[in-house]
Amino acid sequence: MKAVILAAGVASRLRPLTNDCPKCLLNVGERSLLQRSMDALKSNGITEFVIVTGYLHEQIENFVKKNYSDVKVTFIHNDIYDSTNNIYSLWLARPEADGEEILLLDSDLLYDPQIIRRVLDDGNENLLTLIRHDLGEEEMKVVVDAKGAITELSKTCNPADAIGESLGIERMGRAYTKALYEELEVMMEKEGLSNIFYERAFERLFPKGHTYQVLDVTDLFSCELDTVDDFNAAKERIPAELF
């Protein structure tokens, strides 16, 4: 199984912290967000990584080459990162991810490594991690049917209909990634939808029979890091054993 990590964004809401440093290389404690995530993946047996870079990509590549020479890493550069969203970065990963079993992760996550173990140990081939809390307009909200399969995944759905927020870690089987990239091909090459969130592609697959089961990881630490205030709060919230 490969880990596909999307690390192209500018993270303008975190400025000035990201003026000269990509968001994923910001430290919480003694380790950066990317280092924490790659360590969590490695400790759970993942040895093949695909990292899509963009903003300040040389810093990310140099950091990974220096610290992770013991695993296979493929870098893919999104050279239009400033005018596209994460769906385009996911599209660029097609040569490495289409028809493969993957874990898809945003690069700016701060989370307990046990979440990766739960994802890998779960019996479902297609899995989306979820955290439960009070929801508003900003969160990527998850709506499920009576069997627990996801039917809606967006920021615009009614918070009252949602069971929680997508954490940003998804497990995908071979059939799913094949269907996903067929859908992305239409969205990128025919419809020009390169500046939206990749969850829109997931939503378009739901009516075609490709969905996720939900893995609730609310009991394990995770933290959203979109603003400077979020980042400062994370340093206070992170459990001592993870610091």
Protein backbone atom coordinates (compact mmCIF):
# COMPACT_ATOMS: atom_id res chain seq x y z
CA MET A 1 0.00 0.00 0.00
CA LYS A 2 1.21 3.50 -0.86
CA ALA A 3 0.70 6.72 1.06
CA VAL A 4 -0.22 9.66 -1.18
CA ILE A 5 0.45 12.94 0.60
CA LEU A 6 -0.78 16.22 -0.87
CA ALA A 7 1.59 19.06 0.04
CA ALA A 8 1.23 21.70 -2.66
CA GLY A 9 -0.77 24.46 -0.99
CA VAL A 10 0.33 27.97 0.00
CA ALA A 11 -1.59 28.05 3.32
CA SER A 12 -2.11 31.79 3.09
CA ARG A 13 -4.21 31.88 6.27
CA LEU A 14 -1.14 30.80 8.25
CA ARG A 15 0.97 33.73 7.17
CA PRO A 16 3.42 34.99 8.36
CA LEU A 17 4.33 31.47 9.54
CA THR A 18 4.27 30.22 5.95
CA ASN A 19 5.98 33.19 4.30
CA ASP A 20 9.22 31.24 4.01
CA CYS A 21 8.19 27.74 5.05
CA PRO A 22 5.60 25.34 3.62
CA LYS A 23 2.84 24.53 6.07
CA CYS A 24 3.75 20.86 6.34
CA LEU A 25 7.25 21.73 7.59
CA LEU A 26 6.04 23.87 10.48
CA ASN A 27 7.00 22.33 13.81
CA VAL A 28 4.73 21.32 16.64
CA GLY A 29 7.13 20.40 19.39
CA GLU A 30 10.36 19.05 17.93
CA ARG A 31 8.88 17.62 14.73
CA SER A 32 7.16 19.09 11.70
CA LEU A 33 3.69 18.08 10.59
CA LEU A 34 5.08 16.14 7.63
CA GLN A 35 7.65 14.40 9.78
CA ARG A 36 5.00 13.38 12.29
CA SER A 37 2.80 11.97 9.53
CA MET A 38 5.58 10.10 7.74
CA ASP A 39 6.79 8.68 11.07
CA ALA A 40 3.25 7.50 11.84
CA LEU A 41 2.97 5.84 8.44
CA LYS A 42 6.41 4.23 8.65
CA SER A 43 5.74 2.87 12.14
CA ASN A 44 2.68 1.14 10.71
CA GLY A 45 4.53 -0.54 7.87
CA ILE A 46 4.14 1.95 5.02
CA THR A 47 7.38 2.13 3.02
CA GLU A 48 6.24 3.72 -0.24
CA PHE A 49 5.27 7.38 -0.44
CA VAL A 50 4.02 9.70 -3.17
CA ILE A 51 4.27 13.38 -2.26
CA VAL A 52 2.69 16.05 -4.45
CA THR A 53 4.48 19.34 -3.88
CA GLY A 54 3.99 22.92 -5.06
CA TYR A 55 4.73 25.94 -2.88
CA LEU A 56 8.39 25.99 -1.77
CA HIS A 57 8.72 22.44 -3.07
CA GLU A 58 12.52 22.37 -2.79
CA GLN A 59 12.30 22.63 1.00
CA ILE A 60 9.96 19.64 1.20
CA GLU A 61 12.03 17.53 -1.18
CA ASN A 62 15.29 18.33 0.61
CA PHE A 63 13.79 17.57 4.01
CA VAL A 64 12.40 14.21 2.92
CA LYS A 65 15.56 13.16 1.08
CA LYS A 66 17.65 13.99 4.14
CA ASN A 67 15.45 12.24 6.68
CA TYR A 68 13.76 9.37 4.83
CA SER A 69 16.39 7.70 2.68
CA ASP A 70 15.21 4.29 3.95
CA VAL A 71 11.84 4.41 2.15
CA LYS A 72 10.77 4.86 -1.46
CA VAL A 73 9.52 8.38 -2.16
CA THR A 74 8.21 9.67 -5.48
CA PHE A 75 7.84 13.45 -5.80
CA ILE A 76 5.30 14.97 -8.17
CA HIS A 77 5.37 18.74 -8.66
CA ASN A 78 2.20 20.80 -9.14
CA ASP A 79 3.60 23.84 -10.93
CA ILE A 80 0.24 25.65 -10.93
CA TYR A 81 -0.36 25.19 -7.20
CA ASP A 82 -1.31 28.86 -6.81
CA SER A 83 -4.31 28.58 -9.15
CA THR A 84 -5.52 25.04 -8.40
CA ASN A 85 -6.87 23.17 -5.40
CA ASN A 86 -6.11 19.76 -3.92
CA ILE A 87 -8.19 17.94 -6.53
CA TYR A 88 -5.58 18.85 -9.14
CA SER A 89 -2.74 17.61 -6.96
CA LEU A 90 -4.60 14.32 -6.56
CA TRP A 91 -5.06 14.19 -10.34
CA LEU A 92 -1.32 14.62 -10.87
CA ALA A 93 -0.71 11.54 -8.71
CA ARG A 94 -2.48 9.32 -11.26
CA PRO A 95 0.65 7.55 -12.56
CA GLU A 96 1.37 6.31 -9.03
CA ALA A 97 -2.14 5.85 -7.63
CA ASP A 98 -4.52 4.72 -10.40
CA GLY A 99 -5.52 1.10 -9.74
CA GLU A 100 -3.42 0.95 -6.57
CA GLU A 101 -4.26 0.52 -2.90
CA ILE A 102 -3.50 3.84 -1.25
CA LEU A 103 -3.86 5.94 1.84
CA LEU A 104 -4.64 9.53 0.88
CA LEU A 105 -3.60 12.20 3.36
CA ASP A 106 -3.45 15.95 3.51
CA SER A 107 0.08 16.98 4.53
CA ASP A 108 -0.98 19.46 7.20
CA LEU A 109 -2.66 17.06 9.61
CA LEU A 110 -1.74 16.77 13.28
CA TYR A 111 -3.01 13.47 14.66
CA ASP A 112 -2.36 10.49 16.89
CA PRO A 113 -0.43 7.77 14.97
CA GLN A 114 -2.89 5.20 16.31
CA ILE A 115 -5.35 6.50 13.71
CA ILE A 116 -3.21 4.99 10.95
CA ARG A 117 -3.17 1.63 12.71
CA ARG A 118 -6.96 1.65 13.02
CA VAL A 119 -7.33 2.47 9.33
CA LEU A 120 -5.04 -0.39 8.32
CA ASP A 121 -6.62 -2.87 10.73
CA ASP A 122 -10.19 -2.13 9.66
CA GLY A 123 -11.81 -4.72 7.42
CA ASN A 124 -13.25 -2.20 4.97
CA GLU A 125 -11.28 -1.62 1.78
CA ASN A 126 -12.59 1.92 1.30
CA LEU A 127 -12.57 3.94 4.48
CA LEU A 128 -12.88 7.58 5.51
CA THR A 129 -11.84 8.84 8.94
CA LEU A 130 -14.27 11.04 10.82
CA ILE A 131 -14.30 13.19 13.95
CA ARG A 132 -17.48 14.23 15.74
CA HIS A 133 -17.93 17.75 17.10
CA ASP A 134 -20.19 20.77 16.65
CA LEU A 135 -20.25 21.62 12.96
CA GLY A 136 -20.47 24.90 11.07
CA GLU A 137 -19.95 26.13 7.53
CA GLU A 138 -16.19 25.58 7.28
CA GLU A 139 -15.94 21.84 7.96
CA MET A 140 -15.98 19.10 5.31
CA LYS A 141 -19.14 17.42 6.58
CA VAL A 142 -20.12 13.75 6.26
CA VAL A 143 -23.68 12.47 5.70
CA VAL A 144 -24.36 8.71 5.76
CA ASP A 145 -27.24 6.38 4.92
CA ALA A 146 -28.91 3.83 7.21
CA LYS A 147 -26.11 1.31 6.51
CA GLY A 148 -23.38 3.78 7.40
CA ALA A 149 -22.15 4.39 3.85
CA ILE A 150 -21.38 7.98 2.92
CA THR A 151 -23.93 9.69 0.69
CA GLU A 152 -22.79 13.30 0.91
CA LEU A 153 -19.43 14.91 1.61
CA SER A 154 -19.17 18.68 1.35
CA LYS A 155 -18.83 21.98 3.17
CA THR A 156 -22.22 23.14 1.93
CA CYS A 157 -24.51 20.40 3.25
CA ASN A 158 -26.74 21.03 6.25
CA PRO A 159 -24.73 20.55 9.47
CA ALA A 160 -27.82 19.04 11.08
CA ASP A 161 -27.74 16.20 8.54
CA ALA A 162 -24.07 15.39 9.09
CA ILE A 163 -22.58 12.96 11.61
CA GLY A 164 -19.19 14.66 11.75
CA GLU A 165 -16.22 16.09 9.88
CA SER A 166 -13.86 14.30 7.52
CA LEU A 167 -10.39 14.25 9.09
CA GLY A 168 -8.54 14.07 5.77
CA ILE A 169 -7.29 10.47 5.80
CA GLU A 170 -8.88 8.03 3.34
CA ARG A 171 -8.10 4.41 2.50
CA MET A 172 -8.87 3.35 -1.07
CA GLY A 173 -8.83 -0.06 -2.73
CA ARG A 174 -7.76 -0.81 -6.30
CA ALA A 175 -11.26 -0.74 -7.79
CA TYR A 176 -11.97 2.57 -6.08
CA THR A 177 -8.83 4.34 -7.31
CA LYS A 178 -9.50 3.09 -10.83
CA ALA A 179 -13.01 4.56 -10.71
CA LEU A 180 -11.72 7.72 -9.05
CA TYR A 181 -9.21 8.49 -11.77
CA GLU A 182 -11.73 7.80 -14.50
CA GLU A 183 -13.94 10.41 -12.84
CA LEU A 184 -11.05 12.82 -12.34
CA GLU A 185 -10.13 12.53 -16.02
CA VAL A 186 -13.56 13.85 -16.94
CA MET A 187 -13.42 16.59 -14.31
CA MET A 188 -9.93 17.78 -15.27
CA GLU A 189 -9.76 17.32 -19.04
CA LYS A 190 -13.38 17.96 -20.06
CA GLU A 191 -14.84 20.15 -17.33
CA GLY A 192 -11.81 22.08 -16.11
CA LEU A 193 -12.66 21.60 -12.43
CA SER A 194 -9.12 22.01 -11.15
CA ASN A 195 -9.79 24.57 -8.42
CA ILE A 196 -12.16 22.68 -6.13
CA PHE A 197 -11.78 20.19 -3.27
CA TYR A 198 -11.16 16.55 -4.19
CA GLU A 199 -14.18 15.50 -2.13
CA ARG A 200 -16.35 16.60 -5.06
CA ALA A 201 -14.95 13.67 -7.05
CA PHE A 202 -15.86 11.35 -4.19
CA GLU A 203 -19.41 12.69 -4.20
CA ARG A 204 -19.77 12.05 -7.93
CA LEU A 205 -18.83 8.42 -7.36
CA PHE A 206 -21.47 7.77 -4.69
CA PRO A 207 -24.38 7.32 -7.15
CA LYS A 208 -22.15 4.98 -9.19
CA GLY A 209 -21.77 2.58 -6.29
CA HIS A 210 -18.36 3.70 -5.06
CA THR A 211 -18.50 4.94 -1.48
CA TYR A 212 -16.70 4.75 1.85
CA GLN A 213 -17.43 3.30 5.22
CA VAL A 214 -16.78 5.67 8.12
CA LEU A 215 -14.13 5.11 10.77
CA ASP A 216 -14.85 7.26 13.83
CA VAL A 217 -11.58 8.35 15.46
CA THR A 218 -13.00 11.06 17.72
CA ASP A 219 -11.48 9.41 20.79
CA LEU A 220 -7.95 9.91 19.42
CA PHE A 221 -6.20 13.27 19.24
CA SER A 222 -6.38 15.26 16.01
CA CYS A 223 -6.24 18.97 15.39
CA GLU A 224 -7.19 21.33 12.57
CA LEU A 225 -4.48 23.82 11.60
CA ASP A 226 -5.85 26.49 9.29
CA THR A 227 -4.88 29.72 11.08
CA VAL A 228 -2.13 31.07 13.31
CA ASP A 229 -4.51 30.81 16.26
CA ASP A 230 -5.14 27.14 15.41
CA PHE A 231 -1.42 26.50 15.31
CA ASN A 232 -0.77 28.17 18.64
CA ALA A 233 -3.67 26.30 20.22
CA ALA A 234 -2.36 22.98 18.88
CA LYS A 235 0.83 23.38 20.87
CA GLU A 236 -1.30 23.58 24.01
CA ARG A 237 -3.73 20.81 23.08
CA ILE A 238 -1.39 18.10 21.88
CA PRO A 239 -1.06 15.31 24.48
CA ALA A 240 2.28 15.22 26.27
CA GLU A 241 3.09 11.73 24.96
CA LEU A 242 2.80 13.00 21.38
CA PHE A 243 4.64 16.29 21.86
